[in-house]
Amino acid sequence: MNIFSTEAFRELALSFDEVTEAPNLGKNTFKVDDKIFITIDNTNAKAIFKLSVADQNLFSDYDPSAIYPAPAGWGKQGWTIFEINFIEAEKLKEALTKSYCSVAPEKFAKKYSK
């Protein structure tokens, strides 16, 4: 199984157009157009992705023990926890792209949408 390190994950997130990284309460957030699409907790190797509820359900079905809705109301808004040490790199790339496209301006999202 091909797994990302947190550093490789960070590099991939920053490879998308106009992405910025900023510390946030001991974690790092990744934004495009000043909108957060991922927050990563490097210590625990967990990332929280902004997804549509439909995409959240699809990814959670892939491995519900490693991909699941964030607690409370956050999960109902599509925020989804990924335990990155337990998920194949290709699945993380797919989720990262969907998360980016969910908040990016259309001119950037078109470049990565399939």
PDB file of N, CA and C in Angstrom:
ATOM      1  N   MET A   1       0.849  -1.184   0.000  1.00  0.00           N
ATOM      2  CA  MET A   1       0.000   0.000   0.000  1.00  0.00           C
ATOM      3  C   MET A   1       0.887   1.237   0.000  1.00  0.00           C
ATOM      4  N   ASN A   2       0.600   2.169  -0.897  1.00  0.00           N
ATOM      5  CA  ASN A   2       1.359   3.404  -1.015  1.00  0.00           C
ATOM      6  C   ASN A   2       0.727   4.474  -0.122  1.00  0.00           C
ATOM      7  N   ILE A   3       1.425   4.869   0.948  1.00  0.00           N
ATOM      8  CA  ILE A   3       0.905   5.804   1.945  1.00  0.00           C
ATOM      9  C   ILE A   3       1.711   7.104   1.891  1.00  0.00           C
ATOM     10  N   PHE A   4       1.041   8.221   2.129  1.00  0.00           N
ATOM     11  CA  PHE A   4       1.689   9.531   2.216  1.00  0.00           C
ATOM     12  C   PHE A   4       2.233   9.775   3.611  1.00  0.00           C
ATOM     13  N   SER A   5       3.363  10.434   3.684  1.00  0.00           N
ATOM     14  CA  SER A   5       3.800  11.024   4.949  1.00  0.00           C
ATOM     15  C   SER A   5       3.053  12.346   5.087  1.00  0.00           C
ATOM     16  N   THR A   6       3.033  12.912   6.277  1.00  0.00           N
ATOM     17  CA  THR A   6       2.367  14.206   6.443  1.00  0.00           C
ATOM     18  C   THR A   6       3.083  15.277   5.610  1.00  0.00           C
ATOM     19  N   GLU A   7       4.395  15.164   5.462  1.00  0.00           N
ATOM     20  CA  GLU A   7       5.131  16.141   4.653  1.00  0.00           C
ATOM     21  C   GLU A   7       4.773  16.009   3.171  1.00  0.00           C
ATOM     22  N   ALA A   8       4.657  14.790   2.666  1.00  0.00           N
ATOM     23  CA  ALA A   8       4.264  14.589   1.266  1.00  0.00           C
ATOM     24  C   ALA A   8       2.833  15.083   1.039  1.00  0.00           C
ATOM     25  N   PHE A   9       1.983  14.861   2.019  1.00  0.00           N
ATOM     26  CA  PHE A   9       0.606  15.338   1.942  1.00  0.00           C
ATOM     27  C   PHE A   9       0.605  16.874   1.850  1.00  0.00           C
ATOM     28  N   ARG A  10       1.389  17.513   2.692  1.00  0.00           N
ATOM     29  CA  ARG A  10       1.509  18.980   2.718  1.00  0.00           C
ATOM     30  C   ARG A  10       1.977  19.492   1.355  1.00  0.00           C
ATOM     31  N   GLU A  11       2.994  18.858   0.791  1.00  0.00           N
ATOM     32  CA  GLU A  11       3.522  19.275  -0.511  1.00  0.00           C
ATOM     33  C   GLU A  11       2.461  19.155  -1.600  1.00  0.00           C
ATOM     34  N   LEU A  12       1.686  18.079  -1.554  1.00  0.00           N
ATOM     35  CA  LEU A  12       0.623  17.905  -2.547  1.00  0.00           C
ATOM     36  C   LEU A  12      -0.437  18.996  -2.391  1.00  0.00           C
ATOM     37  N   ALA A  13      -0.842  19.280  -1.166  1.00  0.00           N
ATOM     38  CA  ALA A  13      -1.845  20.329  -0.937  1.00  0.00           C
ATOM     39  C   ALA A  13      -1.359  21.670  -1.481  1.00  0.00           C
ATOM     40  N   LEU A  14      -0.090  21.962  -1.286  1.00  0.00           N
ATOM     41  CA  LEU A  14       0.467  23.238  -1.739  1.00  0.00           C
ATOM     42  C   LEU A  14       0.697  23.287  -3.251  1.00  0.00           C
ATOM     43  N   SER A  15       0.584  22.162  -3.931  1.00  0.00           N
ATOM     44  CA  SER A  15       0.813  22.129  -5.372  1.00  0.00           C
ATOM     45  C   SER A  15      -0.373  22.673  -6.168  1.00  0.00           C
ATOM     46  N   PHE A  16      -1.531  22.817  -5.550  1.00  0.00           N
ATOM     47  CA  PHE A  16      -2.699  23.358  -6.234  1.00  0.00           C
ATOM     48  C   PHE A  16      -2.562  24.883  -6.369  1.00  0.00           C
ATOM     49  N   ASP A  17      -3.197  25.433  -7.378  1.00  0.00           N
ATOM     50  CA  ASP A  17      -3.116  26.867  -7.652  1.00  0.00           C
ATOM     51  C   ASP A  17      -3.595  27.713  -6.478  1.00  0.00           C
ATOM     52  N   GLU A  18      -2.786  28.739  -6.158  1.00  0.00           N
ATOM     53  CA  GLU A  18      -3.141  29.780  -5.191  1.00  0.00           C
ATOM     54  C   GLU A  18      -3.391  29.283  -3.765  1.00  0.00           C
ATOM     55  N   VAL A  19      -2.856  28.128  -3.393  1.00  0.00           N
ATOM     56  CA  VAL A  19      -3.042  27.602  -2.040  1.00  0.00           C
ATOM     57  C   VAL A  19      -2.049  28.255  -1.092  1.00  0.00           C
ATOM     58  N   THR A  20      -2.549  28.624   0.070  1.00  0.00           N
ATOM     59  CA  THR A  20      -1.694  29.145   1.132  1.00  0.00           C
ATOM     60  C   THR A  20      -1.838  28.237   2.347  1.00  0.00           C
ATOM     61  N   GLU A  21      -0.804  28.248   3.162  1.00  0.00           N
ATOM     62  CA  GLU A  21      -0.782  27.433   4.389  1.00  0.00           C
ATOM     63  C   GLU A  21      -0.614  28.379   5.569  1.00  0.00           C
ATOM     64  N   ALA A  22      -1.318  28.082   6.654  1.00  0.00           N
ATOM     65  CA  ALA A  22      -1.202  28.911   7.852  1.00  0.00           C
ATOM     66  C   ALA A  22      -1.405  28.050   9.087  1.00  0.00           C
ATOM     67  N   PRO A  23      -0.669  28.356  10.169  1.00  0.00           N
ATOM     68  CA  PRO A  23      -0.902  27.635  11.423  1.00  0.00           C
ATOM     69  C   PRO A  23      -2.274  28.021  11.988  1.00  0.00           C
ATOM     70  N   ASN A  24      -2.893  27.061  12.674  1.00  0.00           N
ATOM     71  CA  ASN A  24      -4.215  27.294  13.256  1.00  0.00           C
ATOM     72  C   ASN A  24      -4.390  26.365  14.451  1.00  0.00           C
ATOM     73  N   LEU A  25      -4.223  26.889  15.652  1.00  0.00           N
ATOM     74  CA  LEU A  25      -4.437  26.128  16.885  1.00  0.00           C
ATOM     75  C   LEU A  25      -3.638  24.825  16.913  1.00  0.00           C
ATOM     76  N   GLY A  26      -2.352  24.899  16.590  1.00  0.00           N
ATOM     77  CA  GLY A  26      -1.492  23.722  16.633  1.00  0.00           C
ATOM     78  C   GLY A  26      -1.610  22.816  15.423  1.00  0.00           C
ATOM     79  N   LYS A  27      -2.374  23.227  14.449  1.00  0.00           N
ATOM     80  CA  LYS A  27      -2.537  22.471  13.208  1.00  0.00           C
ATOM     81  C   LYS A  27      -2.166  23.396  12.054  1.00  0.00           C
ATOM     82  N   ASN A  28      -2.250  22.901  10.854  1.00  0.00           N
ATOM     83  CA  ASN A  28      -2.003  23.736   9.684  1.00  0.00           C
ATOM     84  C   ASN A  28      -3.249  23.710   8.807  1.00  0.00           C
ATOM     85  N   THR A  29      -3.652  24.888   8.336  1.00  0.00           N
ATOM     86  CA  THR A  29      -4.774  24.957   7.414  1.00  0.00           C
ATOM     87  C   THR A  29      -4.259  25.281   6.022  1.00  0.00           C
ATOM     88  N   PHE A  30      -4.998  24.788   5.044  1.00  0.00           N
ATOM     89  CA  PHE A  30      -4.710  25.068   3.639  1.00  0.00           C
ATOM     90  C   PHE A  30      -5.933  25.762   3.080  1.00  0.00           C
ATOM     91  N   LYS A  31      -5.674  26.921   2.445  1.00  0.00           N
ATOM     92  CA  LYS A  31      -6.760  27.760   1.943  1.00  0.00           C
ATOM     93  C   LYS A  31      -6.541  28.089   0.475  1.00  0.00           C
ATOM     94  N   VAL A  32      -7.662  28.339  -0.180  1.00  0.00           N
ATOM     95  CA  VAL A  32      -7.645  28.929  -1.509  1.00  0.00           C
ATOM     96  C   VAL A  32      -8.751  29.980  -1.492  1.00  0.00           C
ATOM     97  N   ASP A  33      -8.457  31.135  -2.034  1.00  0.00           N
ATOM     98  CA  ASP A  33      -9.409  32.247  -2.040  1.00  0.00           C
ATOM     99  C   ASP A  33      -9.886  32.555  -0.612  1.00  0.00           C
ATOM    100  N   ASP A  34      -8.970  32.437   0.337  1.00  0.00           N
ATOM    101  CA  ASP A  34      -9.202  32.680   1.762  1.00  0.00           C
ATOM    102  C   ASP A  34     -10.253  31.750   2.378  1.00  0.00           C
ATOM    103  N   LYS A  35     -10.474  30.580   1.754  1.00  0.00           N
ATOM    104  CA  LYS A  35     -11.417  29.587   2.276  1.00  0.00           C
ATOM    105  C   LYS A  35     -10.646  28.312   2.603  1.00  0.00           C
ATOM    106  N   ILE A  36     -10.839  27.816   3.811  1.00  0.00           N
ATOM    107  CA  ILE A  36     -10.160  26.584   4.231  1.00  0.00           C
ATOM    108  C   ILE A  36     -10.773  25.390   3.508  1.00  0.00           C
ATOM    109  N   PHE A  37      -9.905  24.527   2.971  1.00  0.00           N
ATOM    110  CA  PHE A  37     -10.394  23.280   2.392  1.00  0.00           C
ATOM    111  C   PHE A  37      -9.818  22.062   3.100  1.00  0.00           C
ATOM    112  N   ILE A  38      -8.726  22.247   3.841  1.00  0.00           N
ATOM    113  CA  ILE A  38      -8.146  21.145   4.624  1.00  0.00           C
ATOM    114  C   ILE A  38      -7.444  21.722   5.841  1.00  0.00           C
ATOM    115  N   THR A  39      -7.591  21.018   6.946  1.00  0.00           N
ATOM    116  CA  THR A  39      -6.786  21.275   8.141  1.00  0.00           C
ATOM    117  C   THR A  39      -6.092  19.965   8.472  1.00  0.00           C
ATOM    118  N   ILE A  40      -4.791  20.027   8.737  1.00  0.00           N
ATOM    119  CA  ILE A  40      -4.050  18.805   9.061  1.00  0.00           C
ATOM    120  C   ILE A  40      -3.449  18.911  10.457  1.00  0.00           C
ATOM    121  N   ASP A  41      -3.610  17.828  11.185  1.00  0.00           N
ATOM    122  CA  ASP A  41      -3.002  17.663  12.506  1.00  0.00           C
ATOM    123  C   ASP A  41      -1.795  16.750  12.284  1.00  0.00           C
ATOM    124  N   ASN A  42      -0.618  17.340  12.158  1.00  0.00           N
ATOM    125  CA  ASN A  42       0.591  16.564  11.845  1.00  0.00           C
ATOM    126  C   ASN A  42       0.944  15.577  12.949  1.00  0.00           C
ATOM    127  N   THR A  43       0.675  15.937  14.188  1.00  0.00           N
ATOM    128  CA  THR A  43       1.012  15.060  15.314  1.00  0.00           C
ATOM    129  C   THR A  43       0.254  13.744  15.246  1.00  0.00           C
ATOM    130  N   ASN A  44      -1.040  13.821  14.922  1.00  0.00           N
ATOM    131  CA  ASN A  44      -1.885  12.624  14.895  1.00  0.00           C
ATOM    132  C   ASN A  44      -2.129  12.088  13.489  1.00  0.00           C
ATOM    133  N   ALA A  45      -1.516  12.711  12.477  1.00  0.00           N
ATOM    134  CA  ALA A  45      -1.657  12.301  11.077  1.00  0.00           C
ATOM    135  C   ALA A  45      -3.122  12.184  10.664  1.00  0.00           C
ATOM    136  N   LYS A  46      -3.893  13.216  11.034  1.00  0.00           N
ATOM    137  CA  LYS A  46      -5.299  13.295  10.635  1.00  0.00           C
ATOM    138  C   LYS A  46      -5.509  14.589   9.873  1.00  0.00           C
ATOM    139  N   ALA A  47      -6.279  14.504   8.828  1.00  0.00           N
ATOM    140  CA  ALA A  47      -6.626  15.688   8.056  1.00  0.00           C
ATOM    141  C   ALA A  47      -8.139  15.788   7.992  1.00  0.00           C
ATOM    142  N   ILE A  48      -8.641  17.001   8.063  1.00  0.00           N
ATOM    143  CA  ILE A  48     -10.074  17.233   7.954  1.00  0.00           C
ATOM    144  C   ILE A  48     -10.306  17.950   6.629  1.00  0.00           C
ATOM    145  N   PHE A  49     -11.079  17.303   5.769  1.00  0.00           N
ATOM    146  CA  PHE A  49     -11.346  17.790   4.419  1.00  0.00           C
ATOM    147  C   PHE A  49     -12.734  18.399   4.338  1.00  0.00           C
ATOM    148  N   LYS A  50     -12.885  19.473   3.575  1.00  0.00           N
ATOM    149  CA  LYS A  50     -14.184  20.031   3.240  1.00  0.00           C
ATOM    150  C   LYS A  50     -14.654  19.324   1.978  1.00  0.00           C
ATOM    151  N   LEU A  51     -15.753  18.569   2.113  1.00  0.00           N
ATOM    152  CA  LEU A  51     -16.321  17.841   0.979  1.00  0.00           C
ATOM    153  C   LEU A  51     -17.816  18.117   0.902  1.00  0.00           C
ATOM    154  N   SER A  52     -18.408  17.784  -0.223  1.00  0.00           N
ATOM    155  CA  SER A  52     -19.872  17.782  -0.282  1.00  0.00           C
ATOM    156  C   SER A  52     -20.327  16.594   0.571  1.00  0.00           C
ATOM    157  N   VAL A  53     -21.555  16.609   1.015  1.00  0.00           N
ATOM    158  CA  VAL A  53     -22.072  15.485   1.807  1.00  0.00           C
ATOM    159  C   VAL A  53     -22.060  14.204   0.968  1.00  0.00           C
ATOM    160  N   ALA A  54     -22.360  14.316  -0.321  1.00  0.00           N
ATOM    161  CA  ALA A  54     -22.330  13.143  -1.210  1.00  0.00           C
ATOM    162  C   ALA A  54     -20.918  12.560  -1.289  1.00  0.00           C
ATOM    163  N   ASP A  55     -19.913  13.428  -1.447  1.00  0.00           N
ATOM    164  CA  ASP A  55     -18.531  12.939  -1.492  1.00  0.00           C
ATOM    165  C   ASP A  55     -18.109  12.376  -0.144  1.00  0.00           C
ATOM    166  N   GLN A  56     -18.548  13.002   0.934  1.00  0.00           N
ATOM    167  CA  GLN A  56     -18.253  12.487   2.271  1.00  0.00           C
ATOM    168  C   GLN A  56     -18.746  11.044   2.393  1.00  0.00           C
ATOM    169  N   ASN A  57     -19.961  10.797   1.934  1.00  0.00           N
ATOM    170  CA  ASN A  57     -20.522   9.444   2.002  1.00  0.00           C
ATOM    171  C   ASN A  57     -19.730   8.458   1.159  1.00  0.00           C
ATOM    172  N   LEU A  58     -19.325   8.872  -0.041  1.00  0.00           N
ATOM    173  CA  LEU A  58     -18.540   7.991  -0.914  1.00  0.00           C
ATOM    174  C   LEU A  58     -17.200   7.624  -0.286  1.00  0.00           C
ATOM    175  N   PHE A  59     -16.497   8.613   0.240  1.00  0.00           N
ATOM    176  CA  PHE A  59     -15.195   8.333   0.845  1.00  0.00           C
ATOM    177  C   PHE A  59     -15.340   7.522   2.132  1.00  0.00           C
ATOM    178  N   SER A  60     -16.351   7.822   2.919  1.00  0.00           N
ATOM    179  CA  SER A  60     -16.564   7.063   4.158  1.00  0.00           C
ATOM    180  C   SER A  60     -16.858   5.597   3.860  1.00  0.00           C
ATOM    181  N   ASP A  61     -17.556   5.341   2.770  1.00  0.00           N
ATOM    182  CA  ASP A  61     -17.844   3.957   2.383  1.00  0.00           C
ATOM    183  C   ASP A  61     -16.570   3.198   2.019  1.00  0.00           C
ATOM    184  N   TYR A  62     -15.564   3.911   1.537  1.00  0.00           N
ATOM    185  CA  TYR A  62     -14.294   3.284   1.157  1.00  0.00           C
ATOM    186  C   TYR A  62     -13.628   2.614   2.361  1.00  0.00           C
ATOM    187  N   ASP A  63     -13.556   3.305   3.495  1.00  0.00           N
ATOM    188  CA  ASP A  63     -12.974   2.736   4.716  1.00  0.00           C
ATOM    189  C   ASP A  63     -13.484   3.532   5.926  1.00  0.00           C
ATOM    190  N   PRO A  64     -14.655   3.138   6.466  1.00  0.00           N
ATOM    191  CA  PRO A  64     -15.262   3.913   7.554  1.00  0.00           C
ATOM    192  C   PRO A  64     -14.439   3.948   8.842  1.00  0.00           C
ATOM    193  N   SER A  65     -13.448   3.092   8.972  1.00  0.00           N
ATOM    194  CA  SER A  65     -12.614   3.139  10.177  1.00  0.00           C
ATOM    195  C   SER A  65     -11.528   4.220  10.062  1.00  0.00           C
ATOM    196  N   ALA A  66     -11.237   4.675   8.835  1.00  0.00           N
ATOM    197  CA  ALA A  66     -10.185   5.678   8.623  1.00  0.00           C
ATOM    198  C   ALA A  66     -10.698   6.963   7.980  1.00  0.00           C
ATOM    199  N   ILE A  67     -11.940   6.938   7.496  1.00  0.00           N
ATOM    200  CA  ILE A  67     -12.555   8.120   6.872  1.00  0.00           C
ATOM    201  C   ILE A  67     -13.965   8.231   7.432  1.00  0.00           C
ATOM    202  N   TYR A  68     -14.239   9.346   8.115  1.00  0.00           N
ATOM    203  CA  TYR A  68     -15.540   9.464   8.783  1.00  0.00           C
ATOM    204  C   TYR A  68     -15.887  10.937   9.008  1.00  0.00           C
ATOM    205  N   PRO A  69     -17.179  11.238   9.152  1.00  0.00           N
ATOM    206  CA  PRO A  69     -17.592  12.627   9.361  1.00  0.00           C
ATOM    207  C   PRO A  69     -16.994  13.202  10.644  1.00  0.00           C
ATOM    208  N   ALA A  70     -16.651  14.473  10.595  1.00  0.00           N
ATOM    209  CA  ALA A  70     -16.176  15.179  11.792  1.00  0.00           C
ATOM    210  C   ALA A  70     -17.321  15.231  12.803  1.00  0.00           C
ATOM    211  N   PRO A  71     -16.984  15.328  14.086  1.00  0.00           N
ATOM    212  CA  PRO A  71     -18.034  15.338  15.107  1.00  0.00           C
ATOM    213  C   PRO A  71     -18.935  16.574  15.033  1.00  0.00           C
ATOM    214  N   ALA A  72     -20.084  16.415  15.644  1.00  0.00           N
ATOM    215  CA  ALA A  72     -21.077  17.486  15.797  1.00  0.00           C
ATOM    216  C   ALA A  72     -21.553  17.991  14.433  1.00  0.00           C
ATOM    217  N   GLY A  73     -21.886  19.254  14.368  1.00  0.00           N
ATOM    218  CA  GLY A  73     -22.428  19.839  13.147  1.00  0.00           C
ATOM    219  C   GLY A  73     -21.450  19.922  12.001  1.00  0.00           C
ATOM    220  N   TRP A  74     -20.155  19.862  12.302  1.00  0.00           N
ATOM    221  CA  TRP A  74     -19.143  19.945  11.240  1.00  0.00           C
ATOM    222  C   TRP A  74     -19.311  18.826  10.225  1.00  0.00           C
ATOM    223  N   GLY A  75     -19.543  17.616  10.703  1.00  0.00           N
ATOM    224  CA  GLY A  75     -19.718  16.477   9.802  1.00  0.00           C
ATOM    225  C   GLY A  75     -20.933  16.634   8.911  1.00  0.00           C
ATOM    226  N   LYS A  76     -21.987  17.232   9.436  1.00  0.00           N
ATOM    227  CA  LYS A  76     -23.204  17.443   8.646  1.00  0.00           C
ATOM    228  C   LYS A  76     -22.991  18.461   7.537  1.00  0.00           C
ATOM    229  N   GLN A  77     -21.929  19.259   7.652  1.00  0.00           N
ATOM    230  CA  GLN A  77     -21.593  20.238   6.615  1.00  0.00           C
ATOM    231  C   GLN A  77     -20.582  19.676   5.608  1.00  0.00           C
ATOM    232  N   GLY A  78     -20.220  18.402   5.754  1.00  0.00           N
ATOM    233  CA  GLY A  78     -19.302  17.762   4.813  1.00  0.00           C
ATOM    234  C   GLY A  78     -17.874  17.642   5.304  1.00  0.00           C
ATOM    235  N   TRP A  79     -17.545  18.233   6.455  1.00  0.00           N
ATOM    236  CA  TRP A  79     -16.176  18.122   6.969  1.00  0.00           C
ATOM    237  C   TRP A  79     -15.924  16.663   7.355  1.00  0.00           C
ATOM    238  N   THR A  80     -14.850  16.110   6.819  1.00  0.00           N
ATOM    239  CA  THR A  80     -14.593  14.680   6.915  1.00  0.00           C
ATOM    240  C   THR A  80     -13.169  14.425   7.383  1.00  0.00           C
ATOM    241  N   ILE A  81     -13.014  13.565   8.374  1.00  0.00           N
ATOM    242  CA  ILE A  81     -11.697  13.217   8.911  1.00  0.00           C
ATOM    243  C   ILE A  81     -11.108  12.059   8.114  1.00  0.00           C
ATOM    244  N   PHE A  82      -9.843  12.226   7.741  1.00  0.00           N
ATOM    245  CA  PHE A  82      -9.077  11.177   7.061  1.00  0.00           C
ATOM    246  C   PHE A  82      -7.859  10.878   7.927  1.00  0.00           C
ATOM    247  N   GLU A  83      -7.709   9.649   8.344  1.00  0.00           N
ATOM    248  CA  GLU A  83      -6.507   9.218   9.063  1.00  0.00           C
ATOM    249  C   GLU A  83      -5.493   8.838   7.998  1.00  0.00           C
ATOM    250  N   ILE A  84      -4.601   9.764   7.687  1.00  0.00           N
ATOM    251  CA  ILE A  84      -3.809   9.639   6.463  1.00  0.00           C
ATOM    252  C   ILE A  84      -2.821   8.470   6.462  1.00  0.00           C
ATOM    253  N   ASN A  85      -2.456   7.952   7.607  1.00  0.00           N
ATOM    254  CA  ASN A  85      -1.542   6.806   7.627  1.00  0.00           C
ATOM    255  C   ASN A  85      -2.205   5.497   7.220  1.00  0.00           C
ATOM    256  N   PHE A  86      -3.514   5.503   7.096  1.00  0.00           N
ATOM    257  CA  PHE A  86      -4.248   4.271   6.794  1.00  0.00           C
ATOM    258  C   PHE A  86      -4.953   4.315   5.444  1.00  0.00           C
ATOM    259  N   ILE A  87      -4.670   5.327   4.653  1.00  0.00           N
ATOM    260  CA  ILE A  87      -5.380   5.502   3.384  1.00  0.00           C
ATOM    261  C   ILE A  87      -4.368   5.568   2.250  1.00  0.00           C
ATOM    262  N   GLU A  88      -4.669   4.851   1.178  1.00  0.00           N
ATOM    263  CA  GLU A  88      -3.768   4.829   0.035  1.00  0.00           C
ATOM    264  C   GLU A  88      -3.603   6.227  -0.554  1.00  0.00           C
ATOM    265  N   ALA A  89      -2.410   6.483  -1.051  1.00  0.00           N
ATOM    266  CA  ALA A  89      -2.068   7.793  -1.600  1.00  0.00           C
ATOM    267  C   ALA A  89      -3.033   8.225  -2.696  1.00  0.00           C
ATOM    268  N   GLU A  90      -3.414   7.320  -3.556  1.00  0.00           N
ATOM    269  CA  GLU A  90      -4.301   7.673  -4.671  1.00  0.00           C
ATOM    270  C   GLU A  90      -5.662   8.144  -4.169  1.00  0.00           C
ATOM    271  N   LYS A  91      -6.170   7.531  -3.116  1.00  0.00           N
ATOM    272  CA  LYS A  91      -7.458   7.931  -2.539  1.00  0.00           C
ATOM    273  C   LYS A  91      -7.326   9.305  -1.878  1.00  0.00           C
ATOM    274  N   LEU A  92      -6.206   9.565  -1.224  1.00  0.00           N
ATOM    275  CA  LEU A  92      -5.978  10.879  -0.626  1.00  0.00           C
ATOM    276  C   LEU A  92      -5.879  11.967  -1.693  1.00  0.00           C
ATOM    277  N   LYS A  93      -5.204  11.673  -2.800  1.00  0.00           N
ATOM    278  CA  LYS A  93      -5.098  12.641  -3.893  1.00  0.00           C
ATOM    279  C   LYS A  93      -6.483  12.985  -4.437  1.00  0.00           C
ATOM    280  N   GLU A  94      -7.306  11.954  -4.593  1.00  0.00           N
ATOM    281  CA  GLU A  94      -8.664  12.163  -5.099  1.00  0.00           C
ATOM    282  C   GLU A  94      -9.470  13.046  -4.140  1.00  0.00           C
ATOM    283  N   ALA A  95      -9.391  12.759  -2.846  1.00  0.00           N
ATOM    284  CA  ALA A  95     -10.123  13.542  -1.851  1.00  0.00           C
ATOM    285  C   ALA A  95      -9.594  14.970  -1.781  1.00  0.00           C
ATOM    286  N   LEU A  96      -8.293  15.118  -1.847  1.00  0.00           N
ATOM    287  CA  LEU A  96      -7.698  16.449  -1.799  1.00  0.00           C
ATOM    288  C   LEU A  96      -8.175  17.294  -2.983  1.00  0.00           C
ATOM    289  N   THR A  97      -8.244  16.693  -4.144  1.00  0.00           N
ATOM    290  CA  THR A  97      -8.713  17.402  -5.335  1.00  0.00           C
ATOM    291  C   THR A  97     -10.172  17.820  -5.172  1.00  0.00           C
ATOM    292  N   LYS A  98     -11.008  16.923  -4.704  1.00  0.00           N
ATOM    293  CA  LYS A  98     -12.422  17.258  -4.498  1.00  0.00           C
ATOM    294  C   LYS A  98     -12.577  18.354  -3.454  1.00  0.00           C
ATOM    295  N   SER A  99     -11.798  18.275  -2.391  1.00  0.00           N
ATOM    296  CA  SER A  99     -11.868  19.280  -1.343  1.00  0.00           C
ATOM    297  C   SER A  99     -11.451  20.650  -1.880  1.00  0.00           C
ATOM    298  N   TYR A 100     -10.346  20.690  -2.585  1.00  0.00           N
ATOM    299  CA  TYR A 100      -9.871  21.938  -3.198  1.00  0.00           C
ATOM    300  C   TYR A 100     -10.954  22.515  -4.116  1.00  0.00           C
ATOM    301  N   CYS A 101     -11.487  21.683  -4.990  1.00  0.00           N
ATOM    302  CA  CYS A 101     -12.480  22.147  -5.966  1.00  0.00           C
ATOM    303  C   CYS A 101     -13.779  22.596  -5.308  1.00  0.00           C
ATOM    304  N   SER A 102     -14.045  22.114  -4.101  1.00  0.00           N
ATOM    305  CA  SER A 102     -15.289  22.491  -3.416  1.00  0.00           C
ATOM    306  C   SER A 102     -15.276  23.945  -2.958  1.00  0.00           C
ATOM    307  N   VAL A 103     -14.094  24.550  -2.814  1.00  0.00           N
ATOM    308  CA  VAL A 103     -14.020  25.941  -2.346  1.00  0.00           C
ATOM    309  C   VAL A 103     -13.271  26.866  -3.305  1.00  0.00           C
ATOM    310  N   ALA A 104     -12.528  26.317  -4.240  1.00  0.00           N
ATOM    311  CA  ALA A 104     -11.724  27.140  -5.152  1.00  0.00           C
ATOM    312  C   ALA A 104     -12.610  27.909  -6.128  1.00  0.00           C
ATOM    313  N   PRO A 105     -12.144  29.081  -6.544  1.00  0.00           N
ATOM    314  CA  PRO A 105     -12.861  29.793  -7.614  1.00  0.00           C
ATOM    315  C   PRO A 105     -12.937  28.897  -8.853  1.00  0.00           C
ATOM    316  N   GLU A 106     -13.995  29.072  -9.615  1.00  0.00           N
ATOM    317  CA  GLU A 106     -14.246  28.213 -10.768  1.00  0.00           C
ATOM    318  C   GLU A 106     -13.061  28.135 -11.725  1.00  0.00           C
ATOM    319  N   LYS A 107     -12.366  29.252 -11.929  1.00  0.00           N
ATOM    320  CA  LYS A 107     -11.230  29.250 -12.873  1.00  0.00           C
ATOM    321  C   LYS A 107     -10.121  28.304 -12.423  1.00  0.00           C
ATOM    322  N   PHE A 108      -9.965  28.090 -11.123  1.00  0.00           N
ATOM    323  CA  PHE A 108      -8.966  27.140 -10.627  1.00  0.00           C
ATOM    324  C   PHE A 108      -9.551  25.731 -10.569  1.00  0.00           C
ATOM    325  N   ALA A 109     -10.776  25.607 -10.096  1.00  0.00           N
ATOM    326  CA  ALA A 109     -11.395  24.294  -9.946  1.00  0.00           C
ATOM    327  C   ALA A 109     -11.503  23.560 -11.284  1.00  0.00           C
ATOM    328  N   LYS A 110     -11.786  24.300 -12.368  1.00  0.00           N
ATOM    329  CA  LYS A 110     -11.904  23.675 -13.697  1.00  0.00           C
ATOM    330  C   LYS A 110     -10.647  22.918 -14.080  1.00  0.00           C
ATOM    331  N   LYS A 111      -9.505  23.460 -13.692  1.00  0.00           N
ATOM    332  CA  LYS A 111      -8.227  22.849 -14.050  1.00  0.00           C
ATOM    333  C   LYS A 111      -8.077  21.442 -13.450  1.00  0.00           C
ATOM    334  N   TYR A 112      -8.688  21.210 -12.286  1.00  0.00           N
ATOM    335  CA  TYR A 112      -8.496  19.949 -11.566  1.00  0.00           C
ATOM    336  C   TYR A 112      -9.716  19.028 -11.605  1.00  0.00           C
ATOM    337  N   SER A 113     -10.857  19.540 -12.029  1.00  0.00           N
ATOM    338  CA  SER A 113     -12.080  18.731 -12.089  1.00  0.00           C
ATOM    339  C   SER A 113     -11.991  17.723 -13.209  1.00  0.00           C
ATOM    340  N   LYS A 114     -12.548  16.581 -12.943  1.00  0.00           N
ATOM    341  CA  LYS A 114     -12.556  15.521 -13.983  1.00  0.00           C
ATOM    342  C   LYS A 114     -13.944  15.334 -14.522  1.00  0.00           C
TER     343      LYS A 114
END
